Amino acid sequence: MTDLLIPALMIGIAVIALAKKQDVYAALTDGGLEGLKLLLSIAPALVILLTAVHMLRASGAIDLLTRWLAPLSSFLGIPAETLPLMLLRPFSGSAALAVGAELMTVHGVDSLIGRTAAIMLGSTETTFYTISVYFGAAGIKKTRYAVPAALIADLTGFLTASLTAKIL
């Protein structure tokens, strides 16, 4: 049934457009052109963001920050092993997912670290990626309070994830 969903949706749209005497092909090509323009407007920010994440991981900066922040995370009750996930999550969902998968492979999915990582992945956002895409698409250059507010929300998600994993 689900295999037929997309073709049925496309046929339904075409039938409705024909009934309204609209040029479906022109609408599709116009939409494609708008999509390419949007891609060109946000691509530089995404390239810089992904390059920065790769450089941080390759240089060992994430490991260094993890060692520095371990005492603070211990004080806050957050497993130190999840710090690389916390550092990468606001920048890159795929990098954070890779770290989360590695944590679950090493420590097990039912371990405190595995559960904490899973909750962190589900309750936080790729803040800088999201801001780059949405603000770039809307043409907004100044993010003002959006970045600090989003990072506070991420921190709240990380702390709550750790507490929730311990309680449950």
N, C-alpha and C. Protein backbone atom coordinates (compact mmCIF):
# COMPACT_ATOMS: atom_id res chain seq x y z
N MET A 1 0.82 -1.19 0.00
CA MET A 1 0.00 0.00 0.00
C MET A 1 0.86 1.26 0.00
N THR A 2 1.91 1.27 0.83
CA THR A 2 2.75 2.47 0.91
C THR A 2 3.55 2.68 -0.37
N ASP A 3 3.78 1.61 -1.13
CA ASP A 3 4.50 1.74 -2.40
C ASP A 3 3.68 2.56 -3.41
N LEU A 4 2.39 2.58 -3.25
CA LEU A 4 1.52 3.29 -4.18
C LEU A 4 1.22 4.72 -3.73
N LEU A 5 1.66 5.09 -2.54
CA LEU A 5 1.32 6.40 -1.99
C LEU A 5 1.88 7.55 -2.83
N ILE A 6 3.15 7.53 -3.16
CA ILE A 6 3.77 8.62 -3.92
C ILE A 6 3.19 8.69 -5.34
N PRO A 7 3.11 7.56 -6.08
CA PRO A 7 2.49 7.66 -7.41
C PRO A 7 1.04 8.15 -7.36
N ALA A 8 0.28 7.70 -6.37
CA ALA A 8 -1.12 8.15 -6.25
C ALA A 8 -1.17 9.64 -5.94
N LEU A 9 -0.27 10.11 -5.10
CA LEU A 9 -0.22 11.53 -4.78
C LEU A 9 0.12 12.36 -6.02
N MET A 10 1.09 11.90 -6.80
CA MET A 10 1.47 12.63 -8.01
C MET A 10 0.33 12.64 -9.04
N ILE A 11 -0.34 11.51 -9.21
CA ILE A 11 -1.46 11.45 -10.14
C ILE A 11 -2.59 12.35 -9.66
N GLY A 12 -2.86 12.34 -8.36
CA GLY A 12 -3.90 13.18 -7.81
C GLY A 12 -3.62 14.66 -8.03
N ILE A 13 -2.39 15.07 -7.82
CA ILE A 13 -2.00 16.47 -8.04
C ILE A 13 -2.15 16.83 -9.51
N ALA A 14 -1.71 15.92 -10.39
CA ALA A 14 -1.83 16.19 -11.83
C ALA A 14 -3.29 16.31 -12.26
N VAL A 15 -4.14 15.45 -11.74
CA VAL A 15 -5.57 15.49 -12.10
C VAL A 15 -6.20 16.80 -11.61
N ILE A 16 -5.89 17.20 -10.37
CA ILE A 16 -6.45 18.44 -9.83
C ILE A 16 -5.94 19.64 -10.64
N ALA A 17 -4.65 19.63 -10.97
CA ALA A 17 -4.08 20.74 -11.75
C ALA A 17 -4.71 20.81 -13.14
N LEU A 18 -4.92 19.65 -13.77
CA LEU A 18 -5.57 19.64 -15.08
C LEU A 18 -7.01 20.12 -14.99
N ALA A 19 -7.71 19.74 -13.91
CA ALA A 19 -9.09 20.19 -13.73
C ALA A 19 -9.15 21.70 -13.56
N LYS A 20 -8.11 22.28 -12.95
CA LYS A 20 -8.06 23.74 -12.77
C LYS A 20 -7.40 24.43 -13.96
N LYS A 21 -7.03 23.62 -14.97
CA LYS A 21 -6.38 24.12 -16.18
C LYS A 21 -5.08 24.87 -15.89
N GLN A 22 -4.27 24.26 -15.04
CA GLN A 22 -2.96 24.82 -14.71
C GLN A 22 -1.88 24.03 -15.43
N ASP A 23 -0.79 24.71 -15.76
CA ASP A 23 0.35 24.07 -16.42
C ASP A 23 1.23 23.40 -15.36
N VAL A 24 1.08 22.09 -15.19
CA VAL A 24 1.80 21.35 -14.15
C VAL A 24 3.30 21.37 -14.41
N TYR A 25 3.69 21.19 -15.66
CA TYR A 25 5.12 21.16 -15.99
C TYR A 25 5.79 22.49 -15.66
N ALA A 26 5.15 23.60 -16.01
CA ALA A 26 5.72 24.93 -15.70
C ALA A 26 5.83 25.13 -14.20
N ALA A 27 4.82 24.67 -13.47
CA ALA A 27 4.86 24.81 -12.02
C ALA A 27 6.01 23.99 -11.42
N LEU A 28 6.22 22.79 -11.95
CA LEU A 28 7.32 21.94 -11.47
C LEU A 28 8.68 22.56 -11.78
N THR A 29 8.85 23.08 -12.99
CA THR A 29 10.14 23.68 -13.33
C THR A 29 10.37 24.98 -12.56
N ASP A 30 9.31 25.77 -12.34
CA ASP A 30 9.46 26.98 -11.52
C ASP A 30 9.85 26.62 -10.09
N GLY A 31 9.23 25.59 -9.56
CA GLY A 31 9.57 25.13 -8.21
C GLY A 31 11.00 24.63 -8.13
N GLY A 32 11.43 23.90 -9.14
CA GLY A 32 12.81 23.43 -9.18
C GLY A 32 13.81 24.58 -9.23
N LEU A 33 13.48 25.60 -10.02
CA LEU A 33 14.35 26.77 -10.11
C LEU A 33 14.44 27.49 -8.77
N GLU A 34 13.31 27.65 -8.10
CA GLU A 34 13.31 28.28 -6.78
C GLU A 34 14.13 27.46 -5.78
N GLY A 35 14.02 26.15 -5.87
CA GLY A 35 14.80 25.28 -4.99
C GLY A 35 16.30 25.43 -5.22
N LEU A 36 16.70 25.53 -6.49
CA LEU A 36 18.12 25.73 -6.79
C LEU A 36 18.62 27.08 -6.30
N LYS A 37 17.80 28.11 -6.42
CA LYS A 37 18.18 29.44 -5.91
C LYS A 37 18.35 29.39 -4.39
N LEU A 38 17.45 28.69 -3.72
CA LEU A 38 17.56 28.54 -2.27
C LEU A 38 18.83 27.79 -1.90
N LEU A 39 19.12 26.72 -2.63
CA LEU A 39 20.33 25.95 -2.38
C LEU A 39 21.57 26.83 -2.52
N LEU A 40 21.60 27.64 -3.56
CA LEU A 40 22.75 28.53 -3.76
C LEU A 40 22.88 29.55 -2.64
N SER A 41 21.78 29.98 -2.07
CA SER A 41 21.86 30.97 -1.01
C SER A 41 22.33 30.39 0.32
N ILE A 42 22.02 29.12 0.60
CA ILE A 42 22.41 28.54 1.88
C ILE A 42 23.64 27.64 1.81
N ALA A 43 24.08 27.27 0.60
CA ALA A 43 25.21 26.35 0.45
C ALA A 43 26.50 26.85 1.11
N PRO A 44 26.87 28.13 0.97
CA PRO A 44 28.13 28.55 1.61
C PRO A 44 28.14 28.34 3.12
N ALA A 45 27.05 28.67 3.78
CA ALA A 45 26.99 28.48 5.23
C ALA A 45 27.10 27.00 5.59
N LEU A 46 26.44 26.13 4.83
CA LEU A 46 26.49 24.70 5.12
C LEU A 46 27.88 24.12 4.87
N VAL A 47 28.54 24.56 3.81
CA VAL A 47 29.89 24.08 3.52
C VAL A 47 30.84 24.48 4.65
N ILE A 48 30.75 25.72 5.09
CA ILE A 48 31.61 26.19 6.19
C ILE A 48 31.33 25.40 7.46
N LEU A 49 30.07 25.18 7.75
CA LEU A 49 29.68 24.46 8.96
C LEU A 49 30.20 23.03 8.95
N LEU A 50 30.00 22.32 7.85
CA LEU A 50 30.46 20.94 7.76
C LEU A 50 31.99 20.84 7.76
N THR A 51 32.65 21.80 7.14
CA THR A 51 34.11 21.83 7.16
C THR A 51 34.63 22.06 8.57
N ALA A 52 34.00 22.97 9.29
CA ALA A 52 34.42 23.25 10.66
C ALA A 52 34.25 22.02 11.56
N VAL A 53 33.15 21.30 11.41
CA VAL A 53 32.94 20.09 12.20
C VAL A 53 34.00 19.05 11.89
N HIS A 54 34.29 18.86 10.62
CA HIS A 54 35.32 17.88 10.24
C HIS A 54 36.68 18.30 10.80
N MET A 55 37.00 19.58 10.72
CA MET A 55 38.28 20.06 11.23
C MET A 55 38.38 19.87 12.75
N LEU A 56 37.29 20.13 13.46
CA LEU A 56 37.30 19.94 14.92
C LEU A 56 37.55 18.48 15.29
N ARG A 57 36.90 17.58 14.58
CA ARG A 57 37.09 16.15 14.88
C ARG A 57 38.49 15.68 14.49
N ALA A 58 38.95 16.08 13.31
CA ALA A 58 40.26 15.62 12.82
C ALA A 58 41.41 16.20 13.62
N SER A 59 41.26 17.42 14.14
CA SER A 59 42.36 18.06 14.85
C SER A 59 42.51 17.56 16.28
N GLY A 60 41.52 16.88 16.79
CA GLY A 60 41.57 16.43 18.18
C GLY A 60 41.00 17.45 19.15
N ALA A 61 40.47 18.55 18.63
CA ALA A 61 39.91 19.59 19.50
C ALA A 61 38.73 19.07 20.31
N ILE A 62 37.93 18.19 19.73
CA ILE A 62 36.79 17.63 20.46
C ILE A 62 37.29 16.81 21.64
N ASP A 63 38.33 16.01 21.44
CA ASP A 63 38.90 15.21 22.53
C ASP A 63 39.47 16.10 23.63
N LEU A 64 40.14 17.17 23.23
CA LEU A 64 40.71 18.11 24.19
C LEU A 64 39.61 18.79 25.00
N LEU A 65 38.58 19.28 24.32
CA LEU A 65 37.45 19.90 25.03
C LEU A 65 36.75 18.91 25.95
N THR A 66 36.67 17.67 25.52
CA THR A 66 36.05 16.64 26.36
C THR A 66 36.83 16.45 27.65
N ARG A 67 38.14 16.41 27.55
CA ARG A 67 38.97 16.26 28.76
C ARG A 67 38.82 17.46 29.68
N TRP A 68 38.77 18.67 29.11
CA TRP A 68 38.63 19.88 29.91
C TRP A 68 37.27 19.97 30.60
N LEU A 69 36.25 19.53 29.89
CA LEU A 69 34.88 19.66 30.41
C LEU A 69 34.43 18.48 31.27
N ALA A 70 35.24 17.43 31.34
CA ALA A 70 34.85 16.23 32.10
C ALA A 70 34.54 16.54 33.56
N PRO A 71 35.35 17.33 34.27
CA PRO A 71 35.00 17.63 35.67
C PRO A 71 33.65 18.36 35.81
N LEU A 72 33.38 19.29 34.91
CA LEU A 72 32.10 20.01 34.94
C LEU A 72 30.94 19.06 34.66
N SER A 73 31.11 18.17 33.69
CA SER A 73 30.03 17.24 33.37
C SER A 73 29.79 16.28 34.52
N SER A 74 30.86 15.88 35.19
CA SER A 74 30.71 15.00 36.35
C SER A 74 29.95 15.72 37.46
N PHE A 75 30.26 16.99 37.67
CA PHE A 75 29.57 17.80 38.68
C PHE A 75 28.08 17.92 38.35
N LEU A 76 27.76 18.08 37.07
CA LEU A 76 26.37 18.22 36.64
C LEU A 76 25.64 16.88 36.53
N GLY A 77 26.37 15.78 36.67
CA GLY A 77 25.75 14.46 36.60
C GLY A 77 25.58 13.92 35.19
N ILE A 78 26.33 14.48 34.26
CA ILE A 78 26.27 14.04 32.87
C ILE A 78 27.44 13.10 32.62
N PRO A 79 27.21 11.91 32.05
CA PRO A 79 28.34 11.02 31.75
C PRO A 79 29.34 11.71 30.82
N ALA A 80 30.60 11.71 31.21
CA ALA A 80 31.64 12.40 30.43
C ALA A 80 31.77 11.81 29.03
N GLU A 81 31.40 10.55 28.86
CA GLU A 81 31.49 9.91 27.55
C GLU A 81 30.56 10.56 26.53
N THR A 82 29.52 11.24 27.01
CA THR A 82 28.57 11.87 26.10
C THR A 82 28.99 13.29 25.70
N LEU A 83 30.08 13.79 26.23
CA LEU A 83 30.51 15.15 25.90
C LEU A 83 30.78 15.35 24.41
N PRO A 84 31.45 14.42 23.71
CA PRO A 84 31.62 14.64 22.26
C PRO A 84 30.28 14.79 21.54
N LEU A 85 29.30 14.04 21.96
CA LEU A 85 27.96 14.15 21.38
C LEU A 85 27.39 15.54 21.66
N MET A 86 27.54 16.01 22.88
CA MET A 86 27.02 17.33 23.25
C MET A 86 27.73 18.45 22.49
N LEU A 87 29.01 18.28 22.23
CA LEU A 87 29.77 19.31 21.53
C LEU A 87 29.45 19.35 20.04
N LEU A 88 29.16 18.19 19.45
CA LEU A 88 28.91 18.12 18.02
C LEU A 88 27.45 18.33 17.63
N ARG A 89 26.53 17.98 18.51
CA ARG A 89 25.10 18.01 18.17
C ARG A 89 24.62 19.37 17.66
N PRO A 90 25.01 20.49 18.27
CA PRO A 90 24.51 21.77 17.74
C PRO A 90 25.01 22.09 16.33
N PHE A 91 26.07 21.43 15.88
CA PHE A 91 26.66 21.74 14.58
C PHE A 91 26.25 20.75 13.49
N SER A 92 26.24 19.46 13.81
CA SER A 92 26.03 18.46 12.77
C SER A 92 25.27 17.26 13.32
N GLY A 93 24.12 17.02 12.72
CA GLY A 93 23.33 15.86 13.13
C GLY A 93 23.99 14.55 12.76
N SER A 94 24.61 14.48 11.59
CA SER A 94 25.24 13.23 11.17
C SER A 94 26.46 12.92 12.03
N ALA A 95 27.26 13.92 12.39
CA ALA A 95 28.42 13.69 13.25
C ALA A 95 27.95 13.25 14.64
N ALA A 96 26.89 13.90 15.15
CA ALA A 96 26.36 13.52 16.46
C ALA A 96 25.77 12.12 16.42
N LEU A 97 25.11 11.76 15.34
CA LEU A 97 24.55 10.42 15.21
C LEU A 97 25.66 9.37 15.17
N ALA A 98 26.76 9.69 14.50
CA ALA A 98 27.90 8.76 14.45
C ALA A 98 28.49 8.57 15.85
N VAL A 99 28.64 9.66 16.59
CA VAL A 99 29.16 9.56 17.95
C VAL A 99 28.18 8.77 18.82
N GLY A 100 26.87 9.05 18.69
CA GLY A 100 25.87 8.31 19.45
C GLY A 100 25.89 6.82 19.15
N ALA A 101 26.01 6.48 17.88
CA ALA A 101 26.08 5.06 17.49
C ALA A 101 27.33 4.40 18.06
N GLU A 102 28.44 5.13 18.04
CA GLU A 102 29.68 4.60 18.61
C GLU A 102 29.54 4.38 20.12
N LEU A 103 28.92 5.33 20.81
CA LEU A 103 28.70 5.18 22.25
C LEU A 103 27.84 3.96 22.55
N MET A 104 26.81 3.76 21.74
CA MET A 104 25.92 2.61 21.96
C MET A 104 26.61 1.30 21.63
N THR A 105 27.49 1.32 20.64
CA THR A 105 28.23 0.10 20.29
C THR A 105 29.21 -0.27 21.39
N VAL A 106 29.92 0.72 21.90
CA VAL A 106 30.94 0.48 22.93
C VAL A 106 30.31 0.15 24.28
N HIS A 107 29.30 0.93 24.69
CA HIS A 107 28.76 0.79 26.03
C HIS A 107 27.46 0.00 26.09
N GLY A 108 26.84 -0.23 24.95
CA GLY A 108 25.57 -0.96 24.91
C GLY A 108 24.39 -0.01 24.91
N VAL A 109 23.33 -0.41 24.22
CA VAL A 109 22.16 0.46 24.10
C VAL A 109 21.39 0.57 25.41
N ASP A 110 21.51 -0.42 26.27
CA ASP A 110 20.77 -0.40 27.54
C ASP A 110 21.59 0.17 28.69
N SER A 111 22.82 0.59 28.41
CA SER A 111 23.65 1.18 29.46
C SER A 111 23.18 2.61 29.73
N LEU A 112 23.61 3.16 30.85
CA LEU A 112 23.27 4.55 31.16
C LEU A 112 23.79 5.48 30.07
N ILE A 113 24.98 5.23 29.59
CA ILE A 113 25.57 6.08 28.54
C ILE A 113 24.78 5.94 27.24
N GLY A 114 24.43 4.73 26.86
CA GLY A 114 23.66 4.50 25.64
C GLY A 114 22.29 5.15 25.70
N ARG A 115 21.60 4.99 26.84
CA ARG A 115 20.28 5.61 26.99
C ARG A 115 20.38 7.13 27.00
N THR A 116 21.39 7.65 27.69
CA THR A 116 21.58 9.10 27.74
C THR A 116 21.84 9.65 26.35
N ALA A 117 22.70 8.97 25.58
CA ALA A 117 23.01 9.42 24.22
C ALA A 117 21.76 9.40 23.34
N ALA A 118 20.96 8.35 23.47
CA ALA A 118 19.74 8.25 22.66
C ALA A 118 18.76 9.38 23.00
N ILE A 119 18.61 9.67 24.28
CA ILE A 119 17.69 10.74 24.68
C ILE A 119 18.24 12.09 24.23
N MET A 120 19.55 12.27 24.33
CA MET A 120 20.16 13.53 23.87
C MET A 120 19.93 13.73 22.37
N LEU A 121 20.10 12.68 21.60
CA LEU A 121 19.89 12.78 20.15
C LEU A 121 18.44 13.13 19.82
N GLY A 122 17.52 12.61 20.61
CA GLY A 122 16.11 12.84 20.33
C GLY A 122 15.56 14.14 20.88
N SER A 123 16.25 14.74 21.84
CA SER A 123 15.68 15.91 22.51
C SER A 123 16.43 17.21 22.24
N THR A 124 17.40 17.17 21.35
CA THR A 124 18.14 18.39 21.01
C THR A 124 18.14 18.59 19.51
N GLU A 125 18.63 19.73 19.09
CA GLU A 125 18.55 20.10 17.67
C GLU A 125 19.94 20.43 17.16
N THR A 126 20.10 20.32 15.85
CA THR A 126 21.33 20.77 15.20
C THR A 126 21.19 22.28 14.99
N THR A 127 21.42 22.99 16.06
CA THR A 127 21.10 24.42 16.14
C THR A 127 21.68 25.24 15.01
N PHE A 128 22.98 25.17 14.81
CA PHE A 128 23.61 26.03 13.81
C PHE A 128 23.21 25.64 12.39
N TYR A 129 23.04 24.36 12.15
CA TYR A 129 22.57 23.90 10.85
C TYR A 129 21.16 24.44 10.58
N THR A 130 20.29 24.28 11.56
CA THR A 130 18.91 24.72 11.41
C THR A 130 18.82 26.23 11.21
N ILE A 131 19.59 26.97 12.00
CA ILE A 131 19.58 28.42 11.85
C ILE A 131 20.13 28.82 10.49
N SER A 132 21.19 28.15 10.04
CA SER A 132 21.74 28.46 8.71
C SER A 132 20.71 28.23 7.62
N VAL A 133 20.03 27.11 7.69
CA VAL A 133 19.06 26.77 6.64
C VAL A 133 17.84 27.69 6.68
N TYR A 134 17.21 27.80 7.83
CA TYR A 134 15.96 28.55 7.90
C TYR A 134 16.17 30.06 7.81
N PHE A 135 17.17 30.57 8.50
CA PHE A 135 17.41 32.00 8.41
C PHE A 135 17.94 32.35 7.02
N GLY A 136 18.77 31.47 6.44
CA GLY A 136 19.26 31.70 5.08
C GLY A 136 18.13 31.69 4.07
N ALA A 137 17.20 30.76 4.22
CA ALA A 137 16.07 30.67 3.30
C ALA A 137 15.17 31.90 3.40
N ALA A 138 15.07 32.44 4.61
CA ALA A 138 14.22 33.62 4.82
C ALA A 138 14.97 34.92 4.54
N GLY A 139 16.28 34.82 4.27
CA GLY A 139 17.06 36.00 3.98
C GLY A 139 17.43 36.82 5.21
N ILE A 140 17.37 36.20 6.39
CA ILE A 140 17.69 36.90 7.63
C ILE A 140 19.19 36.80 7.87
N LYS A 141 19.85 37.94 8.03
CA LYS A 141 21.30 37.97 8.23
C LYS A 141 21.69 38.02 9.70
N LYS A 142 20.91 38.71 10.52
CA LYS A 142 21.22 38.85 11.94
C LYS A 142 20.34 37.90 12.76
N THR A 143 20.99 37.03 13.50
CA THR A 143 20.24 36.03 14.27
C THR A 143 19.88 36.52 15.67
N ARG A 144 20.47 37.61 16.11
CA ARG A 144 20.18 38.23 17.40
C ARG A 144 20.12 37.23 18.54
N TYR A 145 18.94 37.04 19.08
CA TYR A 145 18.78 36.19 20.26
C TYR A 145 18.48 34.74 19.93
N ALA A 146 18.34 34.42 18.66
CA ALA A 146 17.98 33.05 18.28
C ALA A 146 19.07 32.05 18.67
N VAL A 147 20.32 32.39 18.43
CA VAL A 147 21.41 31.45 18.74
C VAL A 147 21.53 31.21 20.25
N PRO A 148 21.63 32.27 21.08
CA PRO A 148 21.71 32.01 22.52
C PRO A 148 20.50 31.25 23.06
N ALA A 149 19.31 31.60 22.59
CA ALA A 149 18.10 30.91 23.06
C ALA A 149 18.12 29.44 22.65
N ALA A 150 18.54 29.17 21.42
CA ALA A 150 18.59 27.78 20.94
C ALA A 150 19.65 26.98 21.69
N LEU A 151 20.80 27.60 21.98
CA LEU A 151 21.84 26.89 22.72
C LEU A 151 21.42 26.62 24.17
N ILE A 152 20.68 27.55 24.76
CA ILE A 152 20.15 27.30 26.11
C ILE A 152 19.15 26.15 26.06
N ALA A 153 18.34 26.11 25.02
CA ALA A 153 17.39 24.99 24.86
C ALA A 153 18.14 23.67 24.70
N ASP A 154 19.23 23.68 23.93
CA ASP A 154 20.04 22.46 23.78
C ASP A 154 20.63 22.03 25.12
N LEU A 155 21.19 22.98 25.87
CA LEU A 155 21.76 22.65 27.17
C LEU A 155 20.69 22.07 28.09
N THR A 156 19.50 22.66 28.06
CA THR A 156 18.39 22.13 28.85
C THR A 156 18.07 20.70 28.42
N GLY A 157 18.07 20.47 27.11
CA GLY A 157 17.82 19.11 26.61
C GLY A 157 18.89 18.13 27.05
N PHE A 158 20.15 18.54 27.03
CA PHE A 158 21.23 17.66 27.47
C PHE A 158 21.12 17.33 28.95
N LEU A 159 20.87 18.34 29.78
CA LEU A 159 20.74 18.12 31.21
C LEU A 159 19.52 17.25 31.53
N THR A 160 18.41 17.53 30.87
CA THR A 160 17.20 16.76 31.10
C THR A 160 17.36 15.32 30.60
N ALA A 161 18.07 15.14 29.50
CA ALA A 161 18.31 13.79 28.98
C ALA A 161 19.10 12.96 29.98
N SER A 162 20.11 13.57 30.57
CA SER A 162 20.93 12.85 31.55
C SER A 162 20.10 12.49 32.78
N LEU A 163 19.32 13.43 33.25
CA LEU A 163 18.47 13.19 34.42
C LEU A 163 17.41 12.12 34.12
N THR A 164 16.80 12.22 32.95
CA THR A 164 15.76 11.25 32.57
C THR A 164 16.34 9.85 32.45
N ALA A 165 17.52 9.71 31.86
CA ALA A 165 18.14 8.39 31.73
C ALA A 165 18.44 7.80 33.09
N LYS A 166 18.85 8.62 34.04
CA LYS A 166 19.14 8.12 35.39
C LYS A 166 17.87 7.70 36.12
N ILE A 167 16.81 8.49 35.95
CA ILE A 167 15.56 8.19 36.65
C ILE A 167 14.90 6.94 36.10
N LEU A 168 14.89 6.83 34.76
CA LEU A 168 14.20 5.70 34.14
C LEU A 168 15.12 4.53 33.96
